Each structure stands twice: as structure tokens, then as C-alpha cells.
């Protein structure tokens, strides 16, 4: 029973890092990747192309875990490649959160 407070403290200490996501430079790199690499199939405005739209409206109702798994492992039998070698699970979760909020028109293009 003495472990419970320590385990809880460790979990609470880790929460800000998870909520904050990757650092600023990595966030910009991920947004560029989103616009350029994901945009090559999902459209440069992310409104769809070969791949489905990545707009907040299109993602509504889709579970975060499904989207994170799709980013990391791709979709076998489709053009969606796995990104696990380039993106961590935490970064994929951050990307899903950013997509759900929507991107500004020029965000990630610099």
C-alpha cells in the first residue's frame, strides 16, 4: 500500500510532459511533416486527395487511439505508410490533437 502514493506522484509528475507534447522545434518539424508528407496524399490543405480529409470535421467521432495507430503503423493494403520509424507514439498523439483543433492556413508551411 505504500507504493500507491509514490506511483501516483510519479504519474502526476509525468502529466505535464505528456500534455505539453514535443518541444517547439520538434512541433514545427512535425507540422512541416504533416503539411508536406501527409499533405502529398491527404491534400496540401488536408481536405482530402488520395487519402481522406484530415480536417476536424472529418476526424470527429474517430477514436484517438485508432488515429494514433494509423499514423504509427499505416494501413496495410492501402497507400498509408507506417510512420513509427519517424514519429514516437507521443508525437502521433500530439499530431492527432493538433488535427482535431485544425491548422491555420499557413501553419507548417515555413
PDB file of N, CA and C in Angstrom:
ATOM      1  N   UNK A   1       0.820  -1.200   0.000  1.00  0.00           N
ATOM      2  CA  UNK A   1       0.000   0.000   0.000  1.00  0.00           C
ATOM      3  C   UNK A   1       0.860   1.259   0.000  1.00  0.00           C
ATOM      4  N   UNK A   2       2.116   1.186   0.459  1.00  0.00           N
ATOM      5  CA  UNK A   2       2.978   2.372   0.476  1.00  0.00           C
ATOM      6  C   UNK A   2       3.362   2.787  -0.942  1.00  0.00           C
ATOM      7  N   UNK A   3       3.276   1.857  -1.891  1.00  0.00           N
ATOM      8  CA  UNK A   3       3.648   2.189  -3.255  1.00  0.00           C
ATOM      9  C   UNK A   3       2.615   3.086  -3.935  1.00  0.00           C
ATOM     10  N   UNK A   4       1.400   2.995  -3.503  1.00  0.00           N
ATOM     11  CA  UNK A   4       0.345   3.741  -4.172  1.00  0.00           C
ATOM     12  C   UNK A   4       0.617   5.244  -4.203  1.00  0.00           C
ATOM     13  N   UNK A   5       0.963   5.885  -3.070  1.00  0.00           N
ATOM     14  CA  UNK A   5       1.246   7.331  -3.143  1.00  0.00           C
ATOM     15  C   UNK A   5       2.440   7.640  -4.039  1.00  0.00           C
ATOM     16  N   UNK A   6       3.478   6.780  -3.994  1.00  0.00           N
ATOM     17  CA  UNK A   6       4.641   7.029  -4.838  1.00  0.00           C
ATOM     18  C   UNK A   6       4.294   6.873  -6.310  1.00  0.00           C
ATOM     19  N   UNK A   7       3.529   5.841  -6.644  1.00  0.00           N
ATOM     20  CA  UNK A   7       3.127   5.640  -8.030  1.00  0.00           C
ATOM     21  C   UNK A   7       2.262   6.799  -8.511  1.00  0.00           C
ATOM     22  N   UNK A   8       1.358   7.251  -7.680  1.00  0.00           N
ATOM     23  CA  UNK A   8       0.506   8.379  -8.036  1.00  0.00           C
ATOM     24  C   UNK A   8       1.344   9.632  -8.249  1.00  0.00           C
ATOM     25  N   UNK A   9       2.319   9.865  -7.395  1.00  0.00           N
ATOM     26  CA  UNK A   9       3.188  11.034  -7.540  1.00  0.00           C
ATOM     27  C   UNK A   9       3.967  10.961  -8.851  1.00  0.00           C
ATOM     28  N   UNK A  10       4.452   9.769  -9.210  1.00  0.00           N
ATOM     29  CA  UNK A  10       5.190   9.612 -10.463  1.00  0.00           C
ATOM     30  C   UNK A  10       4.294   9.889 -11.659  1.00  0.00           C
ATOM     31  N   UNK A  11       3.070   9.416 -11.613  1.00  0.00           N
ATOM     32  CA  UNK A  11       2.127   9.650 -12.714  1.00  0.00           C
ATOM     33  C   UNK A  11       1.818  11.143 -12.835  1.00  0.00           C
ATOM     34  N   UNK A  12       1.547  11.784 -11.711  1.00  0.00           N
ATOM     35  CA  UNK A  12       1.233  13.210 -11.735  1.00  0.00           C
ATOM     36  C   UNK A  12       2.420  14.033 -12.224  1.00  0.00           C
ATOM     37  N   UNK A  13       3.641  13.613 -11.873  1.00  0.00           N
ATOM     38  CA  UNK A  13       4.830  14.331 -12.324  1.00  0.00           C
ATOM     39  C   UNK A  13       5.000  14.222 -13.833  1.00  0.00           C
ATOM     40  N   UNK A  14       4.564  13.125 -14.428  1.00  0.00           N
ATOM     41  CA  UNK A  14       4.721  12.908 -15.865  1.00  0.00           C
ATOM     42  C   UNK A  14       3.639  13.606 -16.674  1.00  0.00           C
ATOM     43  N   UNK A  15       2.529  13.943 -16.092  1.00  0.00           N
ATOM     44  CA  UNK A  15       1.412  14.527 -16.833  1.00  0.00           C
ATOM     45  C   UNK A  15       1.752  15.811 -17.570  1.00  0.00           C
ATOM     46  N   UNK A  16       2.427  16.779 -16.979  1.00  0.00           N
ATOM     47  CA  UNK A  16       2.705  17.995 -17.743  1.00  0.00           C
ATOM     48  C   UNK A  16       3.501  17.725 -19.013  1.00  0.00           C
ATOM     49  N   UNK A  17       4.454  16.779 -18.962  1.00  0.00           N
ATOM     50  CA  UNK A  17       5.250  16.463 -20.145  1.00  0.00           C
ATOM     51  C   UNK A  17       4.387  15.878 -21.247  1.00  0.00           C
ATOM     52  N   UNK A  18       3.445  15.030 -20.891  1.00  0.00           N
ATOM     53  CA  UNK A  18       2.561  14.429 -21.884  1.00  0.00           C
ATOM     54  C   UNK A  18       1.643  15.493 -22.459  1.00  0.00           C
ATOM     55  N   UNK A  19       1.082  16.341 -21.587  1.00  0.00           N
ATOM     56  CA  UNK A  19       0.148  17.355 -22.051  1.00  0.00           C
ATOM     57  C   UNK A  19       0.841  18.380 -22.932  1.00  0.00           C
ATOM     58  N   UNK A  20       2.087  18.713 -22.619  1.00  0.00           N
ATOM     59  CA  UNK A  20       2.798  19.719 -23.379  1.00  0.00           C
ATOM     60  C   UNK A  20       3.198  19.214 -24.756  1.00  0.00           C
ATOM     61  N   UNK A  21       3.431  17.917 -24.904  1.00  0.00           N
ATOM     62  CA  UNK A  21       3.824  17.367 -26.192  1.00  0.00           C
ATOM     63  C   UNK A  21       5.282  17.651 -26.483  1.00  0.00           C
ATOM     64  N   UNK A  22       5.676  17.507 -27.740  1.00  0.00           N
ATOM     65  CA  UNK A  22       7.076  17.735 -28.106  1.00  0.00           C
ATOM     66  C   UNK A  22       7.449  19.204 -27.968  1.00  0.00           C
ATOM     67  N   UNK A  23       8.767  19.461 -27.924  1.00  0.00           N
ATOM     68  CA  UNK A  23       9.248  20.827 -27.805  1.00  0.00           C
ATOM     69  C   UNK A  23       8.961  21.645 -29.060  1.00  0.00           C
ATOM     70  N   UNK A  24       9.184  22.960 -28.960  1.00  0.00           N
ATOM     71  CA  UNK A  24       8.820  23.878 -30.036  1.00  0.00           C
ATOM     72  C   UNK A  24       9.429  23.535 -31.389  1.00  0.00           C
ATOM     73  N   UNK A  25      10.737  23.240 -31.433  1.00  0.00           N
ATOM     74  CA  UNK A  25      11.379  22.935 -32.718  1.00  0.00           C
ATOM     75  C   UNK A  25      10.822  21.639 -33.301  1.00  0.00           C
ATOM     76  N   UNK A  26      10.583  20.654 -32.438  1.00  0.00           N
ATOM     77  CA  UNK A  26      10.037  19.388 -32.927  1.00  0.00           C
ATOM     78  C   UNK A  26       8.588  19.578 -33.385  1.00  0.00           C
ATOM     79  N   UNK A  27       7.846  20.428 -32.689  1.00  0.00           N
ATOM     80  CA  UNK A  27       6.472  20.711 -33.121  1.00  0.00           C
ATOM     81  C   UNK A  27       6.473  21.303 -34.523  1.00  0.00           C
ATOM     82  N   UNK A  28       7.386  22.225 -34.790  1.00  0.00           N
ATOM     83  CA  UNK A  28       7.452  22.823 -36.129  1.00  0.00           C
ATOM     84  C   UNK A  28       7.829  21.776 -37.178  1.00  0.00           C
ATOM     85  N   UNK A  29       8.763  20.874 -36.811  1.00  0.00           N
ATOM     86  CA  UNK A  29       9.146  19.806 -37.739  1.00  0.00           C
ATOM     87  C   UNK A  29       7.961  18.878 -38.012  1.00  0.00           C
ATOM     88  N   UNK A  30       7.194  18.582 -36.974  1.00  0.00           N
ATOM     89  CA  UNK A  30       6.028  17.709 -37.150  1.00  0.00           C
ATOM     90  C   UNK A  30       4.949  18.388 -37.998  1.00  0.00           C
ATOM     91  N   UNK A  31       4.773  19.683 -37.817  1.00  0.00           N
ATOM     92  CA  UNK A  31       3.786  20.400 -38.636  1.00  0.00           C
ATOM     93  C   UNK A  31       4.230  20.445 -40.099  1.00  0.00           C
ATOM     94  N   UNK A  32       5.537  20.622 -40.342  1.00  0.00           N
ATOM     95  CA  UNK A  32       6.044  20.577 -41.731  1.00  0.00           C
ATOM     96  C   UNK A  32       5.813  19.193 -42.326  1.00  0.00           C
ATOM     97  N   UNK A  33       6.111  18.157 -41.541  1.00  0.00           N
ATOM     98  CA  UNK A  33       5.887  16.786 -41.998  1.00  0.00           C
ATOM     99  C   UNK A  33       4.408  16.579 -42.322  1.00  0.00           C
ATOM    100  N   UNK A  34       3.553  17.101 -41.467  1.00  0.00           N
ATOM    101  CA  UNK A  34       2.112  16.972 -41.674  1.00  0.00           C
ATOM    102  C   UNK A  34       1.694  17.629 -42.983  1.00  0.00           C
ATOM    103  N   UNK A  35       2.148  18.839 -43.210  1.00  0.00           N
ATOM    104  CA  UNK A  35       1.780  19.558 -44.430  1.00  0.00           C
ATOM    105  C   UNK A  35       2.385  18.926 -45.678  1.00  0.00           C
ATOM    106  N   UNK A  36       3.672  18.596 -45.611  1.00  0.00           N
ATOM    107  CA  UNK A  36       4.361  18.159 -46.816  1.00  0.00           C
ATOM    108  C   UNK A  36       4.216  16.666 -47.082  1.00  0.00           C
ATOM    109  N   UNK A  37       4.472  15.842 -46.098  1.00  0.00           N
ATOM    110  CA  UNK A  37       4.419  14.391 -46.322  1.00  0.00           C
ATOM    111  C   UNK A  37       2.987  13.870 -46.288  1.00  0.00           C
ATOM    112  N   UNK A  38       2.253  14.209 -45.236  1.00  0.00           N
ATOM    113  CA  UNK A  38       0.857  13.762 -45.162  1.00  0.00           C
ATOM    114  C   UNK A  38       0.044  14.449 -46.246  1.00  0.00           C
ATOM    115  N   UNK A  39       0.376  15.743 -46.481  1.00  0.00           N
ATOM    116  CA  UNK A  39      -0.363  16.509 -47.480  1.00  0.00           C
ATOM    117  C   UNK A  39      -0.201  15.976 -48.889  1.00  0.00           C
ATOM    118  N   UNK A  40       0.863  15.237 -49.175  1.00  0.00           N
ATOM    119  CA  UNK A  40       1.034  14.698 -50.525  1.00  0.00           C
ATOM    120  C   UNK A  40      -0.074  13.710 -50.869  1.00  0.00           C
ATOM    121  N   UNK A  41      -0.662  13.077 -49.907  1.00  0.00           N
ATOM    122  CA  UNK A  41      -1.797  12.163 -50.162  1.00  0.00           C
ATOM    123  C   UNK A  41      -3.128  12.750 -49.674  1.00  0.00           C
ATOM    124  N   UNK A  42      -3.097  13.447 -48.547  1.00  0.00           N
ATOM    125  CA  UNK A  42      -4.336  13.955 -47.947  1.00  0.00           C
ATOM    126  C   UNK A  42      -4.671  15.366 -48.432  1.00  0.00           C
ATOM    127  N   UNK A  43      -3.867  15.856 -49.371  1.00  0.00           N
ATOM    128  CA  UNK A  43      -4.085  17.192 -49.911  1.00  0.00           C
ATOM    129  C   UNK A  43      -3.298  18.215 -49.125  1.00  0.00           C
ATOM    130  N   UNK A  44      -2.717  19.191 -49.807  1.00  0.00           N
ATOM    131  CA  UNK A  44      -1.883  20.199 -49.151  1.00  0.00           C
ATOM    132  C   UNK A  44      -2.681  21.039 -48.153  1.00  0.00           C
ATOM    133  N   UNK A  45      -3.987  21.126 -48.335  1.00  0.00           N
ATOM    134  CA  UNK A  45      -4.825  21.812 -47.353  1.00  0.00           C
ATOM    135  C   UNK A  45      -5.441  20.815 -46.381  1.00  0.00           C
ATOM    136  N   UNK A  46      -5.073  19.543 -46.523  1.00  0.00           N
ATOM    137  CA  UNK A  46      -5.549  18.439 -45.671  1.00  0.00           C
ATOM    138  C   UNK A  46      -7.058  18.213 -45.809  1.00  0.00           C
ATOM    139  N   UNK A  47      -7.606  18.656 -46.926  1.00  0.00           N
ATOM    140  CA  UNK A  47      -9.043  18.478 -47.165  1.00  0.00           C
ATOM    141  C   UNK A  47      -9.334  17.245 -48.016  1.00  0.00           C
ATOM    142  N   UNK A  48      -8.309  16.427 -48.202  1.00  0.00           N
ATOM    143  CA  UNK A  48      -8.520  15.173 -48.931  1.00  0.00           C
ATOM    144  C   UNK A  48      -7.840  15.175 -50.280  1.00  0.00           C
ATOM    145  N   UNK A  49      -7.560  13.994 -50.747  1.00  0.00           N
ATOM    146  CA  UNK A  49      -6.899  13.782 -52.029  1.00  0.00           C
ATOM    147  C   UNK A  49      -6.954  12.282 -52.249  1.00  0.00           C
ATOM    148  N   UNK A  50      -5.796  11.667 -52.446  1.00  0.00           N
ATOM    149  CA  UNK A  50      -5.739  10.208 -52.476  1.00  0.00           C
ATOM    150  C   UNK A  50      -6.207   9.655 -51.131  1.00  0.00           C
ATOM    151  N   UNK A  51      -5.776  10.303 -50.070  1.00  0.00           N
ATOM    152  CA  UNK A  51      -6.200   9.924 -48.721  1.00  0.00           C
ATOM    153  C   UNK A  51      -7.386  10.759 -48.270  1.00  0.00           C
ATOM    154  N   UNK A  52      -8.004  10.337 -47.207  1.00  0.00           N
ATOM    155  CA  UNK A  52      -9.192  11.013 -46.686  1.00  0.00           C
ATOM    156  C   UNK A  52      -8.822  12.375 -46.087  1.00  0.00           C
ATOM    157  N   UNK A  53      -9.790  13.284 -45.927  1.00  0.00           N
ATOM    158  CA  UNK A  53      -9.513  14.577 -45.296  1.00  0.00           C
ATOM    159  C   UNK A  53      -9.027  14.400 -43.864  1.00  0.00           C
ATOM    160  N   UNK A  54      -8.200  15.343 -43.431  1.00  0.00           N
ATOM    161  CA  UNK A  54      -7.704  15.350 -42.050  1.00  0.00           C
ATOM    162  C   UNK A  54      -8.197  16.590 -41.323  1.00  0.00           C
ATOM    163  N   UNK A  55      -9.372  17.035 -41.653  1.00  0.00           N
ATOM    164  CA  UNK A  55      -9.959  18.207 -41.005  1.00  0.00           C
ATOM    165  C   UNK A  55     -10.615  17.787 -39.690  1.00  0.00           C
ATOM    166  N   UNK A  56     -10.827  18.743 -38.791  1.00  0.00           N
ATOM    167  CA  UNK A  56     -11.509  18.404 -37.531  1.00  0.00           C
ATOM    168  C   UNK A  56     -12.869  17.746 -37.780  1.00  0.00           C
ATOM    169  N   UNK A  57     -13.582  18.208 -38.777  1.00  0.00           N
ATOM    170  CA  UNK A  57     -14.899  17.642 -39.071  1.00  0.00           C
ATOM    171  C   UNK A  57     -14.780  16.181 -39.524  1.00  0.00           C
ATOM    172  N   UNK A  58     -13.776  15.903 -40.368  1.00  0.00           N
ATOM    173  CA  UNK A  58     -13.598  14.545 -40.883  1.00  0.00           C
ATOM    174  C   UNK A  58     -13.132  13.581 -39.796  1.00  0.00           C
ATOM    175  N   UNK A  59     -12.423  14.103 -38.810  1.00  0.00           N
ATOM    176  CA  UNK A  59     -11.890  13.242 -37.740  1.00  0.00           C
ATOM    177  C   UNK A  59     -12.870  13.087 -36.579  1.00  0.00           C
ATOM    178  N   UNK A  60     -13.907  13.896 -36.559  1.00  0.00           N
ATOM    179  CA  UNK A  60     -14.884  13.825 -35.465  1.00  0.00           C
ATOM    180  C   UNK A  60     -15.469  12.414 -35.369  1.00  0.00           C
ATOM    181  N   UNK A  61     -15.531  11.902 -34.176  1.00  0.00           N
ATOM    182  CA  UNK A  61     -16.106  10.581 -33.943  1.00  0.00           C
ATOM    183  C   UNK A  61     -15.110   9.447 -34.098  1.00  0.00           C
ATOM    184  N   UNK A  62     -13.917   9.735 -34.607  1.00  0.00           N
ATOM    185  CA  UNK A  62     -12.897   8.686 -34.737  1.00  0.00           C
ATOM    186  C   UNK A  62     -12.058   8.686 -33.463  1.00  0.00           C
ATOM    187  N   UNK A  63     -11.906   7.531 -32.841  1.00  0.00           N
ATOM    188  CA  UNK A  63     -11.142   7.465 -31.580  1.00  0.00           C
ATOM    189  C   UNK A  63      -9.674   7.861 -31.760  1.00  0.00           C
ATOM    190  N   UNK A  64      -9.137   8.582 -30.790  1.00  0.00           N
ATOM    191  CA  UNK A  64      -7.726   8.980 -30.839  1.00  0.00           C
ATOM    192  C   UNK A  64      -6.813   7.775 -31.026  1.00  0.00           C
ATOM    193  N   UNK A  65      -7.079   6.689 -30.304  1.00  0.00           N
ATOM    194  CA  UNK A  65      -6.202   5.512 -30.394  1.00  0.00           C
ATOM    195  C   UNK A  65      -6.174   4.948 -31.818  1.00  0.00           C
ATOM    196  N   UNK A  66      -7.306   4.957 -32.508  1.00  0.00           N
ATOM    197  CA  UNK A  66      -7.348   4.487 -33.898  1.00  0.00           C
ATOM    198  C   UNK A  66      -6.479   5.380 -34.783  1.00  0.00           C
ATOM    199  N   UNK A  67      -6.588   6.683 -34.607  1.00  0.00           N
ATOM    200  CA  UNK A  67      -5.810   7.613 -35.429  1.00  0.00           C
ATOM    201  C   UNK A  67      -4.318   7.496 -35.133  1.00  0.00           C
ATOM    202  N   UNK A  68      -3.958   7.364 -33.860  1.00  0.00           N
ATOM    203  CA  UNK A  68      -2.544   7.215 -33.487  1.00  0.00           C
ATOM    204  C   UNK A  68      -1.988   5.929 -34.096  1.00  0.00           C
ATOM    205  N   UNK A  69      -2.725   4.849 -33.993  1.00  0.00           N
ATOM    206  CA  UNK A  69      -2.277   3.574 -34.562  1.00  0.00           C
ATOM    207  C   UNK A  69      -2.140   3.672 -36.074  1.00  0.00           C
ATOM    208  N   UNK A  70      -3.062   4.357 -36.714  1.00  0.00           N
ATOM    209  CA  UNK A  70      -2.983   4.532 -38.165  1.00  0.00           C
ATOM    210  C   UNK A  70      -1.731   5.305 -38.545  1.00  0.00           C
ATOM    211  N   UNK A  71      -1.430   6.378 -37.805  1.00  0.00           N
ATOM    212  CA  UNK A  71      -0.215   7.146 -38.089  1.00  0.00           C
ATOM    213  C   UNK A  71       1.025   6.272 -37.889  1.00  0.00           C
ATOM    214  N   UNK A  72       1.077   5.567 -36.797  1.00  0.00           N
ATOM    215  CA  UNK A  72       2.292   4.805 -36.463  1.00  0.00           C
ATOM    216  C   UNK A  72       2.472   3.568 -37.327  1.00  0.00           C
ATOM    217  N   UNK A  73       1.390   2.863 -37.604  1.00  0.00           N
ATOM    218  CA  UNK A  73       1.504   1.563 -38.278  1.00  0.00           C
ATOM    219  C   UNK A  73       0.979   1.563 -39.706  1.00  0.00           C
ATOM    220  N   UNK A  74       0.428   2.674 -40.162  1.00  0.00           N
ATOM    221  CA  UNK A  74      -0.120   2.725 -41.509  1.00  0.00           C
ATOM    222  C   UNK A  74      -1.356   1.853 -41.626  1.00  0.00           C
ATOM    223  N   UNK A  75      -1.793   1.677 -42.857  1.00  0.00           N
ATOM    224  CA  UNK A  75      -2.937   0.801 -43.136  1.00  0.00           C
ATOM    225  C   UNK A  75      -2.510  -0.185 -44.209  1.00  0.00           C
ATOM    226  N   UNK A  76      -2.211  -1.399 -43.815  1.00  0.00           N
ATOM    227  CA  UNK A  76      -1.777  -2.394 -44.800  1.00  0.00           C
ATOM    228  C   UNK A  76      -2.799  -2.530 -45.940  1.00  0.00           C
ATOM    229  N   UNK A  77      -2.277  -2.654 -47.146  1.00  0.00           N
ATOM    230  CA  UNK A  77      -3.145  -2.800 -48.312  1.00  0.00           C
ATOM    231  C   UNK A  77      -3.609  -1.478 -48.886  1.00  0.00           C
ATOM    232  N   UNK A  78      -3.175  -0.367 -48.268  1.00  0.00           N
ATOM    233  CA  UNK A  78      -3.507   0.962 -48.773  1.00  0.00           C
ATOM    234  C   UNK A  78      -2.206   1.739 -48.976  1.00  0.00           C
ATOM    235  N   UNK A  79      -2.330   2.952 -49.462  1.00  0.00           N
ATOM    236  CA  UNK A  79      -1.148   3.800 -49.656  1.00  0.00           C
ATOM    237  C   UNK A  79      -0.648   4.419 -48.356  1.00  0.00           C
ATOM    238  N   UNK A  80      -1.372   4.247 -47.249  1.00  0.00           N
ATOM    239  CA  UNK A  80      -0.977   4.839 -45.965  1.00  0.00           C
ATOM    240  C   UNK A  80       0.203   4.086 -45.380  1.00  0.00           C
ATOM    241  N   UNK A  81       1.402   4.746 -45.367  1.00  0.00           N
ATOM    242  CA  UNK A  81       2.599   4.068 -44.833  1.00  0.00           C
ATOM    243  C   UNK A  81       2.687   4.187 -43.317  1.00  0.00           C
ATOM    244  N   UNK A  82       3.476   3.329 -42.697  1.00  0.00           N
ATOM    245  CA  UNK A  82       3.731   3.480 -41.256  1.00  0.00           C
ATOM    246  C   UNK A  82       4.757   4.592 -41.029  1.00  0.00           C
ATOM    247  N   UNK A  83       4.564   5.340 -39.959  1.00  0.00           N
ATOM    248  CA  UNK A  83       5.484   6.426 -39.621  1.00  0.00           C
ATOM    249  C   UNK A  83       6.214   6.161 -38.315  1.00  0.00           C
ATOM    250  N   UNK A  84       6.107   4.943 -37.785  1.00  0.00           N
ATOM    251  CA  UNK A  84       6.695   4.615 -36.486  1.00  0.00           C
ATOM    252  C   UNK A  84       8.200   4.878 -36.433  1.00  0.00           C
ATOM    253  N   UNK A  85       8.900   4.735 -37.541  1.00  0.00           N
ATOM    254  CA  UNK A  85      10.347   4.971 -37.526  1.00  0.00           C
ATOM    255  C   UNK A  85      10.674   6.470 -37.477  1.00  0.00           C
ATOM    256  N   UNK A  86       9.701   7.320 -37.748  1.00  0.00           N
ATOM    257  CA  UNK A  86       9.928   8.772 -37.779  1.00  0.00           C
ATOM    258  C   UNK A  86       9.259   9.507 -36.620  1.00  0.00           C
ATOM    259  N   UNK A  87       8.180   8.920 -36.082  1.00  0.00           N
ATOM    260  CA  UNK A  87       7.346   9.600 -35.092  1.00  0.00           C
ATOM    261  C   UNK A  87       7.142   8.692 -33.891  1.00  0.00           C
ATOM    262  N   UNK A  88       7.260   9.255 -32.688  1.00  0.00           N
ATOM    263  CA  UNK A  88       7.002   8.485 -31.477  1.00  0.00           C
ATOM    264  C   UNK A  88       5.489   8.424 -31.230  1.00  0.00           C
ATOM    265  N   UNK A  89       5.034   7.494 -30.409  1.00  0.00           N
ATOM    266  CA  UNK A  89       3.605   7.464 -30.060  1.00  0.00           C
ATOM    267  C   UNK A  89       3.123   8.785 -29.449  1.00  0.00           C
ATOM    268  N   UNK A  90       3.951   9.417 -28.636  1.00  0.00           N
ATOM    269  CA  UNK A  90       3.568  10.694 -28.035  1.00  0.00           C
ATOM    270  C   UNK A  90       3.419  11.776 -29.110  1.00  0.00           C
ATOM    271  N   UNK A  91       4.318  11.765 -30.075  1.00  0.00           N
ATOM    272  CA  UNK A  91       4.233  12.747 -31.161  1.00  0.00           C
ATOM    273  C   UNK A  91       3.000  12.491 -32.028  1.00  0.00           C
ATOM    274  N   UNK A  92       2.698  11.226 -32.274  1.00  0.00           N
ATOM    275  CA  UNK A  92       1.488  10.901 -33.050  1.00  0.00           C
ATOM    276  C   UNK A  92       0.248  11.395 -32.307  1.00  0.00           C
ATOM    277  N   UNK A  93       0.228  11.220 -31.000  1.00  0.00           N
ATOM    278  CA  UNK A  93      -0.905  11.700 -30.189  1.00  0.00           C
ATOM    279  C   UNK A  93      -0.992  13.237 -30.253  1.00  0.00           C
ATOM    280  N   UNK A  94       0.139  13.901 -30.235  1.00  0.00           N
ATOM    281  CA  UNK A  94       0.159  15.359 -30.358  1.00  0.00           C
ATOM    282  C   UNK A  94      -0.377  15.773 -31.731  1.00  0.00           C
ATOM    283  N   UNK A  95       0.034  15.076 -32.791  1.00  0.00           N
ATOM    284  CA  UNK A  95      -0.464  15.394 -34.138  1.00  0.00           C
ATOM    285  C   UNK A  95      -1.983  15.224 -34.213  1.00  0.00           C
ATOM    286  N   UNK A  96      -2.494  14.173 -33.623  1.00  0.00           N
ATOM    287  CA  UNK A  96      -3.948  13.956 -33.624  1.00  0.00           C
ATOM    288  C   UNK A  96      -4.641  15.129 -32.921  1.00  0.00           C
ATOM    289  N   UNK A  97      -4.086  15.543 -31.781  1.00  0.00           N
ATOM    290  CA  UNK A  97      -4.683  16.677 -31.058  1.00  0.00           C
ATOM    291  C   UNK A  97      -4.651  17.941 -31.902  1.00  0.00           C
ATOM    292  N   UNK A  98      -3.540  18.178 -32.618  1.00  0.00           N
ATOM    293  CA  UNK A  98      -3.428  19.367 -33.478  1.00  0.00           C
ATOM    294  C   UNK A  98      -4.414  19.297 -34.628  1.00  0.00           C
ATOM    295  N   UNK A  99      -4.555  18.120 -35.225  1.00  0.00           N
ATOM    296  CA  UNK A  99      -5.517  17.975 -36.321  1.00  0.00           C
ATOM    297  C   UNK A  99      -6.937  18.223 -35.831  1.00  0.00           C
ATOM    298  N   UNK A 100      -7.232  17.771 -34.635  1.00  0.00           N
ATOM    299  CA  UNK A 100      -8.588  17.974 -34.093  1.00  0.00           C
ATOM    300  C   UNK A 100      -8.876  19.462 -33.868  1.00  0.00           C
ATOM    301  N   UNK A 101      -7.858  20.250 -33.557  1.00  0.00           N
ATOM    302  CA  UNK A 101      -8.054  21.704 -33.373  1.00  0.00           C
ATOM    303  C   UNK A 101      -8.074  22.429 -34.710  1.00  0.00           C
ATOM    304  N   UNK A 102      -7.502  21.805 -35.743  1.00  0.00           N
ATOM    305  CA  UNK A 102      -7.415  22.444 -37.049  1.00  0.00           C
ATOM    306  C   UNK A 102      -6.142  23.270 -37.151  1.00  0.00           C
ATOM    307  N   UNK A 103      -5.621  23.359 -38.359  1.00  0.00           N
ATOM    308  CA  UNK A 103      -4.401  24.128 -38.585  1.00  0.00           C
ATOM    309  C   UNK A 103      -4.752  25.445 -39.251  1.00  0.00           C
ATOM    310  N   UNK A 104      -3.990  26.486 -38.909  1.00  0.00           N
ATOM    311  CA  UNK A 104      -4.131  27.758 -39.606  1.00  0.00           C
ATOM    312  C   UNK A 104      -3.683  27.552 -41.052  1.00  0.00           C
ATOM    313  N   UNK A 105      -4.174  28.363 -41.982  1.00  0.00           N
ATOM    314  CA  UNK A 105      -3.861  28.143 -43.403  1.00  0.00           C
ATOM    315  C   UNK A 105      -2.381  28.005 -43.730  1.00  0.00           C
ATOM    316  N   UNK A 106      -1.503  28.766 -43.098  1.00  0.00           N
ATOM    317  CA  UNK A 106      -0.065  28.716 -43.438  1.00  0.00           C
ATOM    318  C   UNK A 106       0.746  27.941 -42.410  1.00  0.00           C
ATOM    319  N   UNK A 107       0.100  27.415 -41.385  1.00  0.00           N
ATOM    320  CA  UNK A 107       0.805  26.711 -40.324  1.00  0.00           C
ATOM    321  C   UNK A 107       1.492  25.466 -40.882  1.00  0.00           C
ATOM    322  N   UNK A 108       2.775  25.316 -40.567  1.00  0.00           N
ATOM    323  CA  UNK A 108       3.548  24.167 -41.017  1.00  0.00           C
ATOM    324  C   UNK A 108       4.139  24.328 -42.399  1.00  0.00           C
ATOM    325  N   UNK A 109       3.934  25.466 -43.038  1.00  0.00           N
ATOM    326  CA  UNK A 109       4.458  25.667 -44.392  1.00  0.00           C
ATOM    327  C   UNK A 109       5.801  26.397 -44.399  1.00  0.00           C
ATOM    328  N   UNK A 110       6.257  26.862 -43.268  1.00  0.00           N
ATOM    329  CA  UNK A 110       7.553  27.570 -43.224  1.00  0.00           C
ATOM    330  C   UNK A 110       8.686  26.620 -43.081  1.00  0.00           C
TER     331      UNK A 110
END
